[in-house]
Protein backbone atom coordinates (compact mmCIF):
# COMPACT_ATOMS: atom_id res chain seq x y z
CA MET A 1 -25.75 -16.02 9.55
CA SER A 2 -22.39 -17.84 7.96
CA LYS A 3 -20.04 -20.12 10.59
CA LYS A 4 -16.43 -18.72 11.38
CA SER A 5 -13.60 -21.24 11.40
CA VAL A 6 -11.35 -21.80 14.57
CA VAL A 7 -8.42 -22.50 12.33
CA SER A 8 -8.91 -20.05 9.84
CA GLU A 9 -9.64 -16.82 12.29
CA ALA A 10 -6.16 -18.55 13.65
CA GLN A 11 -4.67 -18.19 10.81
CA GLU A 12 -5.40 -14.62 10.61
CA ILE A 13 -4.64 -13.62 13.96
CA GLN A 14 -0.75 -15.46 13.34
CA LEU A 15 -0.48 -13.12 9.89
CA ALA A 16 -1.32 -10.17 12.12
CA ILE A 17 0.72 -10.77 14.43
CA GLU A 18 3.79 -11.29 11.70
CA LEU A 19 2.75 -8.19 9.86
CA ILE A 20 3.04 -6.15 13.13
CA ASN A 21 6.15 -7.56 14.39
CA LEU A 22 7.42 -6.30 10.77
CA GLY A 23 6.52 -3.03 11.52
CA ALA A 24 2.89 -3.18 9.36
CA ARG A 25 0.47 0.00 9.95
CA LEU A 26 -2.90 -0.42 10.91
CA GLN A 27 -4.24 0.89 7.64
CA LEU A 28 -1.96 -2.48 5.89
CA LEU A 29 -3.50 -4.65 8.66
CA GLU A 30 -6.83 -3.78 7.69
CA SER A 31 -6.22 -4.41 3.96
CA GLU A 32 -4.78 -7.96 4.36
CA VAL A 33 -6.17 -9.11 7.19
CA SER A 34 -10.23 -10.20 8.18
CA LEU A 35 -9.96 -9.49 11.79
CA SER A 36 -12.29 -6.53 12.88
CA ARG A 37 -10.58 -3.24 13.47
CA GLU A 38 -11.06 -3.79 17.10
CA ARG A 39 -9.26 -6.90 16.99
CA LEU A 40 -6.35 -5.47 15.74
CA LEU A 41 -6.39 -2.89 17.67
CA LYS A 42 -6.24 -4.96 20.86
CA LEU A 43 -3.59 -7.39 18.91
CA TYR A 44 -1.26 -4.12 18.06
CA LYS A 45 -1.57 -3.18 21.50
CA GLU A 46 -0.94 -6.34 23.21
CA LEU A 47 2.00 -7.00 21.20
CA LYS A 48 4.10 -3.32 21.02
CA GLY A 49 2.80 -2.34 24.32
CA VAL A 50 1.76 1.27 22.61
CA SER A 51 -1.14 2.25 20.16
CA PRO A 52 0.04 2.54 16.38
CA PRO A 53 0.88 5.19 14.71
CA LYS A 54 -1.59 7.57 13.48
CA GLY A 55 -1.77 9.17 9.98
CA MET A 56 -2.03 8.36 6.40
CA LEU A 57 -0.09 5.81 4.49
CA PRO A 58 2.27 7.77 1.95
CA PHE A 59 0.43 7.77 -1.45
CA SER A 60 3.05 9.15 -3.63
CA THR A 61 5.74 7.80 -5.54
CA ASP A 62 8.19 10.60 -5.59
CA TRP A 63 9.64 8.91 -2.10
CA PHE A 64 10.67 5.46 -4.19
CA LEU A 65 12.63 7.79 -6.99
CA THR A 66 14.92 9.63 -4.40
CA TRP A 67 18.28 7.95 -4.21
CA GLN A 68 18.69 6.21 -1.26
CA PRO A 69 15.08 5.33 -1.45
CA ASN A 70 15.59 3.91 -4.95
CA ILE A 71 18.28 1.74 -3.91
CA HIS A 72 16.58 0.07 -1.08
CA SER A 73 13.05 0.07 -2.82
CA SER A 74 14.97 -2.29 -5.98
CA LEU A 75 16.34 -4.22 -3.94
CA PHE A 76 13.22 -5.12 -2.10
CA ILE A 77 11.04 -5.70 -5.51
CA ASN A 78 13.92 -7.21 -7.12
CA ILE A 79 13.40 -9.99 -4.56
CA HIS A 80 9.51 -9.64 -4.47
CA HIS A 81 9.46 -9.94 -8.40
CA PHE A 82 12.27 -13.18 -8.14
CA LEU A 83 9.96 -14.83 -5.51
CA VAL A 84 6.73 -14.29 -6.96
CA THR A 85 8.20 -15.80 -10.71
CA HIS A 86 9.96 -18.53 -9.48
CA ALA A 87 8.92 -19.51 -5.92
CA GLY A 88 5.39 -19.43 -6.28
CA ALA A 89 4.78 -17.03 -3.48
CA THR A 90 1.57 -14.48 -3.63
CA GLY A 91 -0.19 -11.40 -2.27
CA ILE A 92 0.57 -10.62 1.27
CA HIS A 93 3.09 -13.54 1.54
CA ALA A 94 5.01 -12.37 -0.88
CA VAL A 95 5.95 -9.13 0.22
CA MET A 96 6.25 -10.37 3.82
CA LYS A 97 9.11 -13.19 2.43
CA ALA A 98 10.46 -10.53 0.13
CA TYR A 99 10.34 -8.00 3.24
CA GLN A 100 12.01 -10.45 5.11
CA LEU A 101 14.83 -11.50 2.82
CA TYR A 102 15.13 -7.83 2.45
CA LEU A 103 15.81 -7.22 6.06
CA GLU A 104 18.16 -9.43 5.90
CA GLN A 105 20.41 -7.81 2.95
CA MET A 106 20.11 -4.18 4.42
CA PRO A 107 19.90 -4.69 8.25
CA PRO A 108 19.18 -1.29 9.49
CA ALA A 109 22.04 0.03 11.91
CA PRO A 110 21.46 -1.00 16.15
CA GLY A 111 18.54 1.45 17.21
CA GLU A 112 17.66 2.74 13.57
CA GLU A 113 14.79 1.91 11.46
CA PRO A 114 15.11 0.60 8.21
CA VAL A 115 14.94 2.90 4.83
CA LEU A 116 12.50 0.82 3.57
CA SER A 117 9.48 0.16 6.23
CA LEU A 118 6.80 -2.92 5.68
CA THR A 119 4.43 -0.56 4.73
CA ARG A 120 6.36 1.40 2.12
CA ALA A 121 7.06 -2.24 0.64
CA TRP A 122 3.63 -2.89 0.68
CA THR A 123 2.79 0.37 -0.99
CA LEU A 124 5.39 -0.21 -3.36
CA VAL A 125 3.79 -3.33 -5.09
CA ARG A 126 0.96 -1.54 -4.96
CA PHE A 127 2.26 1.13 -7.26
CA PHE A 128 4.13 -1.59 -9.52
CA ASN A 129 0.59 -3.19 -9.56
CA SER A 130 -1.49 -0.34 -10.92
CA ALA A 131 1.65 0.34 -13.35
CA MET A 132 2.60 3.87 -11.71
CA LEU A 133 6.13 2.20 -11.36
CA LYS A 134 8.07 -0.16 -13.17
CA LEU A 135 11.66 -1.28 -13.52
CA GLU A 136 14.35 -0.19 -15.75
CA SER A 137 18.17 -1.55 -16.45
CA CYS A 138 20.37 0.56 -16.07
CA HIS A 139 22.74 1.36 -19.03
CA LYS A 140 26.14 0.76 -17.15
CA CYS A 141 25.81 -1.88 -14.80
CA GLN A 142 22.75 -3.25 -16.56
CA GLY A 143 21.22 -3.47 -12.56
CA LYS A 144 17.31 -2.99 -13.10
CA PHE A 145 16.04 0.06 -10.63
CA VAL A 146 12.51 1.14 -9.93
CA VAL A 147 11.63 4.14 -12.52
CA ASP A 148 8.60 5.91 -12.65
CA ALA A 149 6.09 3.97 -15.32
CA MET A 150 5.46 7.80 -17.22
CA ASP A 151 8.79 8.94 -17.38
CA LEU A 152 11.03 8.47 -20.60
CA ASN A 153 13.73 5.96 -19.46
CA GLY A 154 16.09 5.60 -22.45
CA GLY A 155 19.35 5.69 -21.37
CA TYR A 156 18.61 5.45 -17.90
CA VAL A 157 21.90 5.32 -15.62
CA CYS A 158 21.27 4.42 -12.12
CA GLY A 159 21.79 6.27 -8.56
CA LEU A 160 24.61 4.05 -7.74
CA CYS A 161 26.49 4.60 -11.22
CA HIS A 162 25.86 8.23 -11.46
CA MET A 163 25.69 9.51 -7.20
CA PRO A 164 24.43 12.63 -6.48
CA SER A 165 27.11 14.74 -5.32
CA ARG A 166 25.29 15.13 -1.43
CA ALA A 167 24.72 11.33 -1.26
CA GLY A 168 25.60 10.12 2.31
CA LYS A 169 26.13 13.60 3.38
CA THR A 170 23.18 13.55 6.04
CA LYS A 171 23.21 14.91 9.32
CA LYS A 172 23.92 11.77 10.90
CA ALA A 173 27.03 11.09 8.98
CA LYS A 174 28.28 14.50 9.97
CA GLU A 175 27.86 13.85 13.38
CA ALA A 176 29.25 10.12 13.17
CA GLU A 177 32.23 11.67 11.28
CA SER A 178 32.85 14.76 14.33
CA GLN A 179 32.49 12.43 16.85
CA ALA A 180 35.24 9.90 15.15
CA ALA A 181 37.48 13.07 14.85
């Protein structure tokens, strides 16, 4: 039987706390932290006051390619790549730091959830690591955006340079518009 270090266990607990506070789902915690499922459940309930949400994690690249999520995903993954390349960040710590920087640049409206959750950001990094997604430069603005690695991306134009006609016309936007009038 191997002896566990109290210090390493404390570091794992601290990592789990930080991840939970950033909105991590239980599946992400189980993948990145070496604590037992029972301890993670207890910790989650203690911090959030409720049980963690149930259900499967996102498993398709499609969400990252739609208009608004693509802009947010592209911002996050560019921050992540910068931290990995220039700051020496690695693993879950790179994801957490990039996500914190993303939230500083794209804070959600009061009472709203961020467009890109920590779990989706973590999944996005995994999709990049498995070469399912990649970055492609927009031919108009030269920004780098998330694209499907299997698509033909010659002459790519991003969603900011070529906005879809329905961009920003959500139910919430219509309600806000009607309340302002």
